[in-house]
């Protein structure tokens, strides 16, 4: 499985994981000229922008470590564009990270959900 296939698998897996936990997904791969947000959904009344990071090993670090200050600032920029598009002024929102590690040998995987990540 190449890097792009792993990323796609990770996003699909994250979407199923979140739906099973009551998240109502409203957008997938939301793109603007400023960037992309993997998944957007509601947890109760809160709008959540999800960054999904999938790795096949931790050789180069844990997936959640890739969601650094620069990445969060980019997500915030796209999130604000999305909110402007919705005309949602009083909506509570946050950025969460879904980190997945999938063994290339056994296909078993581990998911961790980090809520309200900040720059």
C-alpha atoms as a PDB file:
ATOM      1  CA  UNK A   1       0.000   0.000   0.000  1.00  0.00           C
ATOM      2  CA  UNK A   2       1.519   3.311  -1.031  1.00  0.00           C
ATOM      3  CA  UNK A   3       1.341   6.550   0.951  1.00  0.00           C
ATOM      4  CA  UNK A   4      -1.720   7.904  -0.876  1.00  0.00           C
ATOM      5  CA  UNK A   5      -3.645   4.630  -0.475  1.00  0.00           C
ATOM      6  CA  UNK A   6      -2.763   4.555   3.230  1.00  0.00           C
ATOM      7  CA  UNK A   7      -4.005   8.130   3.656  1.00  0.00           C
ATOM      8  CA  UNK A   8      -7.279   7.332   1.870  1.00  0.00           C
ATOM      9  CA  UNK A   9      -7.732   4.183   3.971  1.00  0.00           C
ATOM     10  CA  UNK A  10      -7.049   6.246   7.101  1.00  0.00           C
ATOM     11  CA  UNK A  11      -9.684   8.845   6.249  1.00  0.00           C
ATOM     12  CA  UNK A  12     -12.285   6.150   5.533  1.00  0.00           C
ATOM     13  CA  UNK A  13     -11.409   4.354   8.769  1.00  0.00           C
ATOM     14  CA  UNK A  14     -11.540   7.605  10.752  1.00  0.00           C
ATOM     15  CA  UNK A  15     -14.957   8.432   9.277  1.00  0.00           C
ATOM     16  CA  UNK A  16     -16.356   5.035  10.344  1.00  0.00           C
ATOM     17  CA  UNK A  17     -14.770   5.402  13.788  1.00  0.00           C
ATOM     18  CA  UNK A  18     -16.284   8.862  14.293  1.00  0.00           C
ATOM     19  CA  UNK A  19     -19.735   7.878  13.018  1.00  0.00           C
ATOM     20  CA  UNK A  20     -19.748   4.970  15.480  1.00  0.00           C
ATOM     21  CA  UNK A  21     -19.140   7.541  18.239  1.00  0.00           C
ATOM     22  CA  UNK A  22     -22.034   9.769  17.247  1.00  0.00           C
ATOM     23  CA  UNK A  23     -20.242  12.281  15.033  1.00  0.00           C
ATOM     24  CA  UNK A  24     -22.379  13.517  12.158  1.00  0.00           C
ATOM     25  CA  UNK A  25     -19.983  14.009   9.231  1.00  0.00           C
ATOM     26  CA  UNK A  26     -21.014  16.903   6.961  1.00  0.00           C
ATOM     27  CA  UNK A  27     -17.933  17.295   4.721  1.00  0.00           C
ATOM     28  CA  UNK A  28     -15.086  15.124   3.532  1.00  0.00           C
ATOM     29  CA  UNK A  29     -11.900  16.520   1.965  1.00  0.00           C
ATOM     30  CA  UNK A  30     -13.147  20.115   2.091  1.00  0.00           C
ATOM     31  CA  UNK A  31     -10.834  22.156  -0.151  1.00  0.00           C
ATOM     32  CA  UNK A  32     -10.218  25.857  -0.607  1.00  0.00           C
ATOM     33  CA  UNK A  33      -7.285  27.674  -2.217  1.00  0.00           C
ATOM     34  CA  UNK A  34      -5.835  27.915   1.323  1.00  0.00           C
ATOM     35  CA  UNK A  35      -5.797  24.175   1.965  1.00  0.00           C
ATOM     36  CA  UNK A  36      -7.859  21.133   2.880  1.00  0.00           C
ATOM     37  CA  UNK A  37      -9.634  19.714   5.908  1.00  0.00           C
ATOM     38  CA  UNK A  38      -9.996  15.931   5.950  1.00  0.00           C
ATOM     39  CA  UNK A  39     -13.354  15.650   7.750  1.00  0.00           C
ATOM     40  CA  UNK A  40     -15.859  18.119   9.173  1.00  0.00           C
ATOM     41  CA  UNK A  41     -18.591  16.995  11.497  1.00  0.00           C
ATOM     42  CA  UNK A  42     -20.773  17.782  14.458  1.00  0.00           C
ATOM     43  CA  UNK A  43     -20.324  16.407  17.959  1.00  0.00           C
ATOM     44  CA  UNK A  44     -23.616  17.472  19.505  1.00  0.00           C
ATOM     45  CA  UNK A  45     -23.771  21.225  18.730  1.00  0.00           C
ATOM     46  CA  UNK A  46     -20.017  21.682  18.243  1.00  0.00           C
ATOM     47  CA  UNK A  47     -18.563  21.827  14.747  1.00  0.00           C
ATOM     48  CA  UNK A  48     -15.339  19.837  14.581  1.00  0.00           C
ATOM     49  CA  UNK A  49     -12.619  20.066  11.951  1.00  0.00           C
ATOM     50  CA  UNK A  50     -10.743  16.744  11.862  1.00  0.00           C
ATOM     51  CA  UNK A  51      -7.177  16.269  10.685  1.00  0.00           C
ATOM     52  CA  UNK A  52      -6.504  12.580  10.014  1.00  0.00           C
ATOM     53  CA  UNK A  53      -2.929  11.316  10.137  1.00  0.00           C
ATOM     54  CA  UNK A  54      -2.156   7.702   9.279  1.00  0.00           C
ATOM     55  CA  UNK A  55       1.191   5.932   9.539  1.00  0.00           C
ATOM     56  CA  UNK A  56       2.355   2.375   8.919  1.00  0.00           C
ATOM     57  CA  UNK A  57       5.058   2.677  11.583  1.00  0.00           C
ATOM     58  CA  UNK A  58       6.376   5.114  14.174  1.00  0.00           C
ATOM     59  CA  UNK A  59       9.875   5.079  12.666  1.00  0.00           C
ATOM     60  CA  UNK A  60       9.585   8.792  11.872  1.00  0.00           C
ATOM     61  CA  UNK A  61       7.364   9.690  14.829  1.00  0.00           C
ATOM     62  CA  UNK A  62       3.773   9.299  15.898  1.00  0.00           C
ATOM     63  CA  UNK A  63       1.093  10.500  13.457  1.00  0.00           C
ATOM     64  CA  UNK A  64      -0.245  13.149  15.841  1.00  0.00           C
ATOM     65  CA  UNK A  65       3.216  14.764  15.944  1.00  0.00           C
ATOM     66  CA  UNK A  66       2.738  15.797  12.298  1.00  0.00           C
ATOM     67  CA  UNK A  67      -0.084  18.134  13.362  1.00  0.00           C
ATOM     68  CA  UNK A  68       2.245  20.936  14.372  1.00  0.00           C
ATOM     69  CA  UNK A  69       1.700  24.672  14.844  1.00  0.00           C
ATOM     70  CA  UNK A  70       2.064  25.422  11.121  1.00  0.00           C
ATOM     71  CA  UNK A  71      -0.463  22.704  10.191  1.00  0.00           C
ATOM     72  CA  UNK A  72      -2.953  23.885  12.836  1.00  0.00           C
ATOM     73  CA  UNK A  73      -2.678  27.490  11.610  1.00  0.00           C
ATOM     74  CA  UNK A  74      -3.439  26.291   8.061  1.00  0.00           C
ATOM     75  CA  UNK A  75      -6.445  24.287   9.293  1.00  0.00           C
ATOM     76  CA  UNK A  76      -7.674  27.358  11.197  1.00  0.00           C
ATOM     77  CA  UNK A  77      -7.465  29.427   8.005  1.00  0.00           C
ATOM     78  CA  UNK A  78      -9.551  26.893   6.049  1.00  0.00           C
ATOM     79  CA  UNK A  79     -11.937  26.483   9.007  1.00  0.00           C
ATOM     80  CA  UNK A  80     -12.559  30.228   9.062  1.00  0.00           C
ATOM     81  CA  UNK A  81     -13.300  30.180   5.325  1.00  0.00           C
ATOM     82  CA  UNK A  82     -15.775  27.346   5.929  1.00  0.00           C
ATOM     83  CA  UNK A  83     -17.421  29.255   8.770  1.00  0.00           C
ATOM     84  CA  UNK A  84     -17.656  32.401   6.608  1.00  0.00           C
ATOM     85  CA  UNK A  85     -19.328  30.294   3.909  1.00  0.00           C
ATOM     86  CA  UNK A  86     -21.841  29.025   6.491  1.00  0.00           C
ATOM     87  CA  UNK A  87     -22.397  32.508   7.925  1.00  0.00           C
ATOM     88  CA  UNK A  88     -22.107  30.838  11.329  1.00  0.00           C
ATOM     89  CA  UNK A  89     -21.055  33.518  13.783  1.00  0.00           C
ATOM     90  CA  UNK A  90     -22.000  31.952  17.105  1.00  0.00           C
ATOM     91  CA  UNK A  91     -21.094  28.350  16.378  1.00  0.00           C
ATOM     92  CA  UNK A  92     -18.711  26.603  18.782  1.00  0.00           C
ATOM     93  CA  UNK A  93     -15.933  24.883  16.870  1.00  0.00           C
ATOM     94  CA  UNK A  94     -12.619  23.169  17.434  1.00  0.00           C
ATOM     95  CA  UNK A  95      -9.878  21.197  15.700  1.00  0.00           C
ATOM     96  CA  UNK A  96      -9.339  17.522  16.546  1.00  0.00           C
ATOM     97  CA  UNK A  97      -6.741  15.049  15.330  1.00  0.00           C
ATOM     98  CA  UNK A  98      -7.400  11.409  14.519  1.00  0.00           C
ATOM     99  CA  UNK A  99      -4.101   9.493  14.638  1.00  0.00           C
ATOM    100  CA  UNK A 100      -3.960   5.997  13.158  1.00  0.00           C
ATOM    101  CA  UNK A 101      -1.107   3.514  13.134  1.00  0.00           C
ATOM    102  CA  UNK A 102      -1.654   0.490  10.868  1.00  0.00           C
ATOM    103  CA  UNK A 103       0.715  -2.440  10.762  1.00  0.00           C
ATOM    104  CA  UNK A 104       1.648  -3.247   7.157  1.00  0.00           C
ATOM    105  CA  UNK A 105       2.146  -6.895   8.161  1.00  0.00           C
ATOM    106  CA  UNK A 106      -0.974  -7.716  10.164  1.00  0.00           C
ATOM    107  CA  UNK A 107      -3.299  -4.910   8.955  1.00  0.00           C
ATOM    108  CA  UNK A 108      -4.250  -4.338  12.608  1.00  0.00           C
ATOM    109  CA  UNK A 109      -4.535  -0.712  13.574  1.00  0.00           C
ATOM    110  CA  UNK A 110      -4.782   1.610  16.546  1.00  0.00           C
ATOM    111  CA  UNK A 111      -6.778   4.866  16.567  1.00  0.00           C
ATOM    112  CA  UNK A 112      -6.364   7.750  18.978  1.00  0.00           C
ATOM    113  CA  UNK A 113      -8.610  10.823  19.067  1.00  0.00           C
ATOM    114  CA  UNK A 114      -7.039  14.065  20.280  1.00  0.00           C
ATOM    115  CA  UNK A 115      -9.661  16.710  20.986  1.00  0.00           C
ATOM    116  CA  UNK A 116      -9.206  20.474  20.767  1.00  0.00           C
ATOM    117  CA  UNK A 117      -5.630  20.596  19.477  1.00  0.00           C
ATOM    118  CA  UNK A 118      -4.112  24.065  19.571  1.00  0.00           C
ATOM    119  CA  UNK A 119      -1.242  25.865  17.905  1.00  0.00           C
END
